[in-house]
């Protein structure tokens, strides 16, 4: 009788332990995915704000009068275009 109960409890204990560990990992992964999603949403919002600011600055004349500022501005526009391409392809 004892061996039958023992034979039933050991596999149940092992299966229970495996299920518990998988559940904990799943909860951690869901939390990580939510954090990453929030981060991406914030980055996209910042990117949209940066794009608006860039367009506003691009329309002013004083940027073109300073070569260093113009080169910096062109680099920012290149980065924005690459990010925009990435966003559109995903």
PDB file of N, CA and C in Angstrom:
ATOM      1  N   UNK A   1       0.819  -1.191   0.000  1.00  0.00           N
ATOM      2  CA  UNK A   1       0.000   0.000   0.000  1.00  0.00           C
ATOM      3  C   UNK A   1       0.870   1.265   0.000  1.00  0.00           C
ATOM      4  N   UNK A   2       1.890   1.254   0.845  1.00  0.00           N
ATOM      5  CA  UNK A   2       2.793   2.402   0.946  1.00  0.00           C
ATOM      6  C   UNK A   2       3.519   2.654  -0.371  1.00  0.00           C
ATOM      7  N   UNK A   3       3.909   1.579  -1.060  1.00  0.00           N
ATOM      8  CA  UNK A   3       4.626   1.752  -2.328  1.00  0.00           C
ATOM      9  C   UNK A   3       3.717   2.298  -3.423  1.00  0.00           C
ATOM     10  N   UNK A   4       2.441   1.962  -3.380  1.00  0.00           N
ATOM     11  CA  UNK A   4       1.507   2.488  -4.379  1.00  0.00           C
ATOM     12  C   UNK A   4       1.328   3.988  -4.179  1.00  0.00           C
ATOM     13  N   UNK A   5       1.135   4.398  -2.929  1.00  0.00           N
ATOM     14  CA  UNK A   5       0.988   5.824  -2.625  1.00  0.00           C
ATOM     15  C   UNK A   5       2.267   6.566  -2.984  1.00  0.00           C
ATOM     16  N   UNK A   6       3.392   5.946  -2.660  1.00  0.00           N
ATOM     17  CA  UNK A   6       4.696   6.528  -2.981  1.00  0.00           C
ATOM     18  C   UNK A   6       4.871   6.653  -4.489  1.00  0.00           C
ATOM     19  N   UNK A   7       4.463   5.634  -5.226  1.00  0.00           N
ATOM     20  CA  UNK A   7       4.593   5.626  -6.682  1.00  0.00           C
ATOM     21  C   UNK A   7       3.700   6.693  -7.320  1.00  0.00           C
ATOM     22  N   UNK A   8       2.596   7.038  -6.666  1.00  0.00           N
ATOM     23  CA  UNK A   8       1.701   8.064  -7.194  1.00  0.00           C
ATOM     24  C   UNK A   8       2.174   9.467  -6.796  1.00  0.00           C
ATOM     25  N   UNK A   9       2.626   9.620  -5.558  1.00  0.00           N
ATOM     26  CA  UNK A   9       3.008  10.945  -5.058  1.00  0.00           C
ATOM     27  C   UNK A   9       4.279  11.500  -5.697  1.00  0.00           C
ATOM     28  N   UNK A  10       5.263  10.650  -5.956  1.00  0.00           N
ATOM     29  CA  UNK A  10       6.515  11.139  -6.546  1.00  0.00           C
ATOM     30  C   UNK A  10       6.289  11.785  -7.913  1.00  0.00           C
ATOM     31  N   UNK A  11       5.611  11.095  -8.838  1.00  0.00           N
ATOM     32  CA  UNK A  11       5.378  11.753 -10.140  1.00  0.00           C
ATOM     33  C   UNK A  11       4.518  13.011 -10.011  1.00  0.00           C
ATOM     34  N   UNK A  12       3.512  12.983  -9.132  1.00  0.00           N
ATOM     35  CA  UNK A  12       2.680  14.173  -8.945  1.00  0.00           C
ATOM     36  C   UNK A  12       3.492  15.333  -8.393  1.00  0.00           C
ATOM     37  N   UNK A  13       4.396  15.045  -7.477  1.00  0.00           N
ATOM     38  CA  UNK A  13       5.254  16.083  -6.912  1.00  0.00           C
ATOM     39  C   UNK A  13       6.167  16.667  -7.993  1.00  0.00           C
ATOM     40  N   UNK A  14       6.731  15.811  -8.792  1.00  0.00           N
ATOM     41  CA  UNK A  14       7.634  16.272  -9.851  1.00  0.00           C
ATOM     42  C   UNK A  14       6.866  17.098 -10.880  1.00  0.00           C
ATOM     43  N   UNK A  15       5.698  16.605 -11.300  1.00  0.00           N
ATOM     44  CA  UNK A  15       4.881  17.337 -12.271  1.00  0.00           C
ATOM     45  C   UNK A  15       4.448  18.680 -11.682  1.00  0.00           C
ATOM     46  N   UNK A  16       4.045  18.676 -10.413  1.00  0.00           N
ATOM     47  CA  UNK A  16       3.651  19.923  -9.754  1.00  0.00           C
ATOM     48  C   UNK A  16       4.791  20.912  -9.699  1.00  0.00           C
ATOM     49  N   UNK A  17       5.985  20.447  -9.388  1.00  0.00           N
ATOM     50  CA  UNK A  17       7.157  21.305  -9.332  1.00  0.00           C
ATOM     51  C   UNK A  17       7.465  21.896 -10.710  1.00  0.00           C
ATOM     52  N   UNK A  18       7.377  21.068 -11.752  1.00  0.00           N
ATOM     53  CA  UNK A  18       7.643  21.532 -13.112  1.00  0.00           C
ATOM     54  C   UNK A  18       6.604  22.589 -13.507  1.00  0.00           C
ATOM     55  N   UNK A  19       5.344  22.335 -13.222  1.00  0.00           N
ATOM     56  CA  UNK A  19       4.291  23.289 -13.564  1.00  0.00           C
ATOM     57  C   UNK A  19       4.490  24.604 -12.813  1.00  0.00           C
ATOM     58  N   UNK A  20       4.837  24.525 -11.536  1.00  0.00           N
ATOM     59  CA  UNK A  20       5.067  25.734 -10.739  1.00  0.00           C
ATOM     60  C   UNK A  20       6.220  26.552 -11.306  1.00  0.00           C
ATOM     61  N   UNK A  21       7.310  25.891 -11.659  1.00  0.00           N
ATOM     62  CA  UNK A  21       8.464  26.608 -12.225  1.00  0.00           C
ATOM     63  C   UNK A  21       8.122  27.244 -13.568  1.00  0.00           C
ATOM     64  N   UNK A  22       7.393  26.526 -14.410  1.00  0.00           N
ATOM     65  CA  UNK A  22       6.992  27.090 -15.697  1.00  0.00           C
ATOM     66  C   UNK A  22       6.065  28.281 -15.509  1.00  0.00           C
ATOM     67  N   UNK A  23       5.184  28.200 -14.536  1.00  0.00           N
ATOM     68  CA  UNK A  23       4.280  29.314 -14.252  1.00  0.00           C
ATOM     69  C   UNK A  23       5.068  30.547 -13.809  1.00  0.00           C
ATOM     70  N   UNK A  24       6.032  30.357 -12.913  1.00  0.00           N
ATOM     71  CA  UNK A  24       6.860  31.485 -12.449  1.00  0.00           C
ATOM     72  C   UNK A  24       7.626  32.115 -13.605  1.00  0.00           C
ATOM     73  N   UNK A  25       8.194  31.292 -14.469  1.00  0.00           N
ATOM     74  CA  UNK A  25       8.933  31.822 -15.621  1.00  0.00           C
ATOM     75  C   UNK A  25       7.996  32.584 -16.555  1.00  0.00           C
ATOM     76  N   UNK A  26       6.791  32.065 -16.738  1.00  0.00           N
ATOM     77  CA  UNK A  26       5.819  32.725 -17.595  1.00  0.00           C
ATOM     78  C   UNK A  26       5.449  34.097 -17.037  1.00  0.00           C
ATOM     79  N   UNK A  27       5.250  34.187 -15.733  1.00  0.00           N
ATOM     80  CA  UNK A  27       4.916  35.466 -15.107  1.00  0.00           C
ATOM     81  C   UNK A  27       6.063  36.458 -15.288  1.00  0.00           C
ATOM     82  N   UNK A  28       7.294  35.996 -15.105  1.00  0.00           N
ATOM     83  CA  UNK A  28       8.456  36.876 -15.288  1.00  0.00           C
ATOM     84  C   UNK A  28       8.546  37.362 -16.740  1.00  0.00           C
ATOM     85  N   UNK A  29       8.332  36.456 -17.689  1.00  0.00           N
ATOM     86  CA  UNK A  29       8.410  36.835 -19.100  1.00  0.00           C
ATOM     87  C   UNK A  29       7.301  37.815 -19.475  1.00  0.00           C
ATOM     88  N   UNK A  30       6.101  37.594 -18.957  1.00  0.00           N
ATOM     89  CA  UNK A  30       5.010  38.529 -19.239  1.00  0.00           C
ATOM     90  C   UNK A  30       5.338  39.912 -18.692  1.00  0.00           C
ATOM     91  N   UNK A  31       5.907  39.958 -17.510  1.00  0.00           N
ATOM     92  CA  UNK A  31       6.294  41.238 -16.916  1.00  0.00           C
ATOM     93  C   UNK A  31       7.355  41.923 -17.772  1.00  0.00           C
ATOM     94  N   UNK A  32       8.304  41.144 -18.243  1.00  0.00           N
ATOM     95  CA  UNK A  32       9.365  41.692 -19.086  1.00  0.00           C
ATOM     96  C   UNK A  32       8.801  42.221 -20.403  1.00  0.00           C
ATOM     97  N   UNK A  33       7.877  41.500 -20.998  1.00  0.00           N
ATOM     98  CA  UNK A  33       7.274  41.926 -22.257  1.00  0.00           C
ATOM     99  C   UNK A  33       6.491  43.223 -22.059  1.00  0.00           C
ATOM    100  N   UNK A  34       5.773  43.326 -20.955  1.00  0.00           N
ATOM    101  CA  UNK A  34       5.009  44.545 -20.672  1.00  0.00           C
ATOM    102  C   UNK A  34       5.959  45.732 -20.498  1.00  0.00           C
ATOM    103  N   UNK A  35       7.060  45.536 -19.771  1.00  0.00           N
ATOM    104  CA  UNK A  35       8.034  46.613 -19.592  1.00  0.00           C
ATOM    105  C   UNK A  35       8.636  47.034 -20.934  1.00  0.00           C
ATOM    106  N   UNK A  36       8.974  46.057 -21.766  1.00  0.00           N
ATOM    107  CA  UNK A  36       9.549  46.369 -23.071  1.00  0.00           C
ATOM    108  C   UNK A  36       8.540  47.104 -23.953  1.00  0.00           C
ATOM    109  N   UNK A  37       7.293  46.679 -23.895  1.00  0.00           N
ATOM    110  CA  UNK A  37       6.255  47.338 -24.685  1.00  0.00           C
ATOM    111  C   UNK A  37       6.085  48.789 -24.236  1.00  0.00           C
ATOM    112  N   UNK A  38       6.080  49.033 -22.935  1.00  0.00           N
ATOM    113  CA  UNK A  38       5.976  50.405 -22.432  1.00  0.00           C
ATOM    114  C   UNK A  38       7.178  51.240 -22.868  1.00  0.00           C
ATOM    115  N   UNK A  39       8.355  50.638 -22.821  1.00  0.00           N
ATOM    116  CA  UNK A  39       9.575  51.338 -23.238  1.00  0.00           C
ATOM    117  C   UNK A  39       9.502  51.710 -24.718  1.00  0.00           C
ATOM    118  N   UNK A  40       9.066  50.769 -25.548  1.00  0.00           N
ATOM    119  CA  UNK A  40       8.970  51.031 -26.983  1.00  0.00           C
ATOM    120  C   UNK A  40       7.944  52.112 -27.257  1.00  0.00           C
ATOM    121  N   UNK A  41       6.824  52.080 -26.536  1.00  0.00           N
ATOM    122  CA  UNK A  41       5.798  53.100 -26.705  1.00  0.00           C
ATOM    123  C   UNK A  41       6.339  54.477 -26.349  1.00  0.00           C
ATOM    124  N   UNK A  42       7.098  54.563 -25.265  1.00  0.00           N
ATOM    125  CA  UNK A  42       7.696  55.845 -24.865  1.00  0.00           C
ATOM    126  C   UNK A  42       8.714  56.316 -25.900  1.00  0.00           C
ATOM    127  N   UNK A  43       9.513  55.393 -26.423  1.00  0.00           N
ATOM    128  CA  UNK A  43      10.511  55.750 -27.435  1.00  0.00           C
ATOM    129  C   UNK A  43       9.818  56.267 -28.696  1.00  0.00           C
ATOM    130  N   UNK A  44       8.739  55.593 -29.113  1.00  0.00           N
ATOM    131  CA  UNK A  44       8.013  56.043 -30.302  1.00  0.00           C
ATOM    132  C   UNK A  44       7.400  57.424 -30.083  1.00  0.00           C
ATOM    133  N   UNK A  45       6.887  57.665 -28.897  1.00  0.00           N
ATOM    134  CA  UNK A  45       6.338  58.985 -28.584  1.00  0.00           C
ATOM    135  C   UNK A  45       7.431  60.049 -28.642  1.00  0.00           C
ATOM    136  N   UNK A  46       8.583  59.729 -28.072  1.00  0.00           N
ATOM    137  CA  UNK A  46       9.715  60.655 -28.109  1.00  0.00           C
ATOM    138  C   UNK A  46      10.170  60.879 -29.553  1.00  0.00           C
ATOM    139  N   UNK A  47      10.172  59.816 -30.330  1.00  0.00           N
ATOM    140  CA  UNK A  47      10.563  59.931 -31.731  1.00  0.00           C
ATOM    141  C   UNK A  47       9.612  60.851 -32.482  1.00  0.00           C
ATOM    142  N   UNK A  48       8.312  60.717 -32.229  1.00  0.00           N
ATOM    143  CA  UNK A  48       7.338  61.591 -32.896  1.00  0.00           C
ATOM    144  C   UNK A  48       7.557  63.043 -32.491  1.00  0.00           C
ATOM    145  N   UNK A  49       7.824  63.291 -31.214  1.00  0.00           N
ATOM    146  CA  UNK A  49       8.100  64.658 -30.754  1.00  0.00           C
ATOM    147  C   UNK A  49       9.368  65.203 -31.399  1.00  0.00           C
ATOM    148  N   UNK A  50      10.386  64.356 -31.491  1.00  0.00           N
ATOM    149  CA  UNK A  50      11.637  64.769 -32.122  1.00  0.00           C
ATOM    150  C   UNK A  50      11.430  65.088 -33.595  1.00  0.00           C
ATOM    151  N   UNK A  51      10.606  64.294 -34.253  1.00  0.00           N
ATOM    152  CA  UNK A  51      10.314  64.541 -35.669  1.00  0.00           C
ATOM    153  C   UNK A  51       9.622  65.883 -35.849  1.00  0.00           C
ATOM    154  N   UNK A  52       8.660  66.186 -34.985  1.00  0.00           N
ATOM    155  CA  UNK A  52       7.970  67.478 -35.068  1.00  0.00           C
ATOM    156  C   UNK A  52       8.952  68.628 -34.834  1.00  0.00           C
ATOM    157  N   UNK A  53       9.816  68.473 -33.829  1.00  0.00           N
ATOM    158  CA  UNK A  53      10.790  69.525 -33.540  1.00  0.00           C
ATOM    159  C   UNK A  53      11.768  69.690 -34.689  1.00  0.00           C
ATOM    160  N   UNK A  54      12.175  68.579 -35.286  1.00  0.00           N
ATOM    161  CA  UNK A  54      13.097  68.637 -36.423  1.00  0.00           C
ATOM    162  C   UNK A  54      12.459  69.355 -37.602  1.00  0.00           C
ATOM    163  N   UNK A  55      11.211  69.051 -37.867  1.00  0.00           N
ATOM    164  CA  UNK A  55      10.518  69.718 -38.967  1.00  0.00           C
ATOM    165  C   UNK A  55      10.379  71.216 -38.698  1.00  0.00           C
ATOM    166  N   UNK A  56      10.134  71.556 -37.446  1.00  0.00           N
ATOM    167  CA  UNK A  56      10.014  72.975 -37.087  1.00  0.00           C
ATOM    168  C   UNK A  56      11.353  73.694 -37.275  1.00  0.00           C
ATOM    169  N   UNK A  57      12.432  73.041 -36.819  1.00  0.00           N
ATOM    170  CA  UNK A  57      13.764  73.643 -36.954  1.00  0.00           C
ATOM    171  C   UNK A  57      14.163  73.710 -38.425  1.00  0.00           C
ATOM    172  N   UNK A  58      13.788  72.682 -39.182  1.00  0.00           N
ATOM    173  CA  UNK A  58      14.138  72.630 -40.599  1.00  0.00           C
ATOM    174  C   UNK A  58      13.522  73.795 -41.363  1.00  0.00           C
ATOM    175  N   UNK A  59      12.398  74.270 -40.906  1.00  0.00           N
ATOM    176  CA  UNK A  59      11.736  75.370 -41.615  1.00  0.00           C
ATOM    177  C   UNK A  59      12.359  76.733 -41.310  1.00  0.00           C
ATOM    178  N   UNK A  60      13.231  76.806 -40.321  1.00  0.00           N
ATOM    179  CA  UNK A  60      13.852  78.102 -40.007  1.00  0.00           C
ATOM    180  C   UNK A  60      15.109  78.297 -40.835  1.00  0.00           C
ATOM    181  N   UNK A  61      15.444  79.522 -41.062  1.00  0.00           N
ATOM    182  CA  UNK A  61      16.575  79.861 -41.926  1.00  0.00           C
ATOM    183  C   UNK A  61      17.904  79.830 -41.163  1.00  0.00           C
ATOM    184  N   UNK A  62      17.884  80.138 -39.875  1.00  0.00           N
ATOM    185  CA  UNK A  62      19.135  80.284 -39.131  1.00  0.00           C
ATOM    186  C   UNK A  62      19.934  78.995 -39.018  1.00  0.00           C
ATOM    187  N   UNK A  63      19.295  77.839 -39.208  1.00  0.00           N
ATOM    188  CA  UNK A  63      20.029  76.568 -39.154  1.00  0.00           C
ATOM    189  C   UNK A  63      21.023  76.504 -40.304  1.00  0.00           C
ATOM    190  N   UNK A  64      20.620  76.967 -41.451  1.00  0.00           N
ATOM    191  CA  UNK A  64      21.471  76.859 -42.625  1.00  0.00           C
ATOM    192  C   UNK A  64      22.636  77.840 -42.606  1.00  0.00           C
ATOM    193  N   UNK A  65      22.581  78.818 -41.746  1.00  0.00           N
ATOM    194  CA  UNK A  65      23.679  79.785 -41.702  1.00  0.00           C
ATOM    195  C   UNK A  65      24.866  79.265 -40.891  1.00  0.00           C
ATOM    196  N   UNK A  66      24.655  78.268 -40.043  1.00  0.00           N
ATOM    197  CA  UNK A  66      25.735  77.710 -39.228  1.00  0.00           C
ATOM    198  C   UNK A  66      26.073  76.308 -39.751  1.00  0.00           C
ATOM    199  N   UNK A  67      27.278  76.125 -40.343  1.00  0.00           N
ATOM    200  CA  UNK A  67      27.618  74.834 -40.952  1.00  0.00           C
ATOM    201  C   UNK A  67      27.688  73.678 -39.938  1.00  0.00           C
ATOM    202  N   UNK A  68      28.184  73.964 -38.730  1.00  0.00           N
ATOM    203  CA  UNK A  68      28.277  72.898 -37.724  1.00  0.00           C
ATOM    204  C   UNK A  68      26.884  72.437 -37.292  1.00  0.00           C
ATOM    205  N   UNK A  69      26.017  73.395 -37.071  1.00  0.00           N
ATOM    206  CA  UNK A  69      24.645  73.070 -36.689  1.00  0.00           C
ATOM    207  C   UNK A  69      23.924  72.359 -37.826  1.00  0.00           C
ATOM    208  N   UNK A  70      24.190  72.771 -39.027  1.00  0.00           N
ATOM    209  CA  UNK A  70      23.571  72.138 -40.190  1.00  0.00           C
ATOM    210  C   UNK A  70      24.018  70.680 -40.310  1.00  0.00           C
ATOM    211  N   UNK A  71      25.304  70.418 -40.097  1.00  0.00           N
ATOM    212  CA  UNK A  71      25.791  69.040 -40.185  1.00  0.00           C
ATOM    213  C   UNK A  71      25.196  68.181 -39.067  1.00  0.00           C
ATOM    214  N   UNK A  72      25.072  68.737 -37.870  1.00  0.00           N
ATOM    215  CA  UNK A  72      24.433  68.023 -36.767  1.00  0.00           C
ATOM    216  C   UNK A  72      22.969  67.734 -37.102  1.00  0.00           C
ATOM    217  N   UNK A  73      22.315  68.726 -37.637  1.00  0.00           N
ATOM    218  CA  UNK A  73      20.911  68.582 -37.997  1.00  0.00           C
ATOM    219  C   UNK A  73      20.723  67.518 -39.080  1.00  0.00           C
ATOM    220  N   UNK A  74      21.617  67.488 -40.053  1.00  0.00           N
ATOM    221  CA  UNK A  74      21.543  66.481 -41.108  1.00  0.00           C
ATOM    222  C   UNK A  74      21.763  65.082 -40.536  1.00  0.00           C
ATOM    223  N   UNK A  75      22.660  64.944 -39.577  1.00  0.00           N
ATOM    224  CA  UNK A  75      22.884  63.644 -38.926  1.00  0.00           C
ATOM    225  C   UNK A  75      21.633  63.186 -38.182  1.00  0.00           C
ATOM    226  N   UNK A  76      20.992  64.099 -37.491  1.00  0.00           N
ATOM    227  CA  UNK A  76      19.754  63.772 -36.777  1.00  0.00           C
ATOM    228  C   UNK A  76      18.682  63.334 -37.769  1.00  0.00           C
ATOM    229  N   UNK A  77      18.599  64.013 -38.896  1.00  0.00           N
ATOM    230  CA  UNK A  77      17.600  63.648 -39.909  1.00  0.00           C
ATOM    231  C   UNK A  77      17.889  62.257 -40.489  1.00  0.00           C
ATOM    232  N   UNK A  78      19.165  61.919 -40.672  1.00  0.00           N
ATOM    233  CA  UNK A  78      19.525  60.589 -41.163  1.00  0.00           C
ATOM    234  C   UNK A  78      19.096  59.510 -40.166  1.00  0.00           C
ATOM    235  N   UNK A  79      19.385  59.751 -38.906  1.00  0.00           N
ATOM    236  CA  UNK A  79      18.990  58.802 -37.862  1.00  0.00           C
ATOM    237  C   UNK A  79      17.477  58.644 -37.847  1.00  0.00           C
ATOM    238  N   UNK A  80      16.775  59.742 -37.949  1.00  0.00           N
ATOM    239  CA  UNK A  80      15.310  59.692 -37.968  1.00  0.00           C
ATOM    240  C   UNK A  80      14.798  58.887 -39.159  1.00  0.00           C
ATOM    241  N   UNK A  81      15.401  59.075 -40.302  1.00  0.00           N
ATOM    242  CA  UNK A  81      14.966  58.329 -41.488  1.00  0.00           C
ATOM    243  C   UNK A  81      15.192  56.829 -41.317  1.00  0.00           C
ATOM    244  N   UNK A  82      16.325  56.453 -40.728  1.00  0.00           N
ATOM    245  CA  UNK A  82      16.597  55.032 -40.504  1.00  0.00           C
ATOM    246  C   UNK A  82      15.599  54.439 -39.511  1.00  0.00           C
ATOM    247  N   UNK A  83      15.290  55.175 -38.448  1.00  0.00           N
ATOM    248  CA  UNK A  83      14.316  54.693 -37.475  1.00  0.00           C
ATOM    249  C   UNK A  83      12.944  54.592 -38.125  1.00  0.00           C
ATOM    250  N   UNK A  84      12.600  55.570 -38.934  1.00  0.00           N
ATOM    251  CA  UNK A  84      11.305  55.563 -39.613  1.00  0.00           C
ATOM    252  C   UNK A  84      11.202  54.361 -40.555  1.00  0.00           C
ATOM    253  N   UNK A  85      12.266  54.058 -41.293  1.00  0.00           N
ATOM    254  CA  UNK A  85      12.275  52.894 -42.172  1.00  0.00           C
ATOM    255  C   UNK A  85      12.079  51.608 -41.364  1.00  0.00           C
ATOM    256  N   UNK A  86      12.748  51.517 -40.250  1.00  0.00           N
ATOM    257  CA  UNK A  86      12.633  50.333 -39.392  1.00  0.00           C
ATOM    258  C   UNK A  86      11.208  50.166 -38.871  1.00  0.00           C
ATOM    259  N   UNK A  87      10.627  51.259 -38.442  1.00  0.00           N
ATOM    260  CA  UNK A  87       9.258  51.213 -37.891  1.00  0.00           C
ATOM    261  C   UNK A  87       8.272  50.794 -38.982  1.00  0.00           C
ATOM    262  N   UNK A  88       8.453  51.306 -40.163  1.00  0.00           N
ATOM    263  CA  UNK A  88       7.523  50.995 -41.254  1.00  0.00           C
ATOM    264  C   UNK A  88       7.651  49.548 -41.723  1.00  0.00           C
ATOM    265  N   UNK A  89       8.831  48.956 -41.586  1.00  0.00           N
ATOM    266  CA  UNK A  89       9.016  47.561 -42.050  1.00  0.00           C
ATOM    267  C   UNK A  89       8.575  46.547 -41.002  1.00  0.00           C
ATOM    268  N   UNK A  90       8.428  46.972 -39.750  1.00  0.00           N
ATOM    269  CA  UNK A  90       8.012  46.010 -38.717  1.00  0.00           C
ATOM    270  C   UNK A  90       6.540  46.059 -38.464  1.00  0.00           C
TER     271      UNK A  90
END
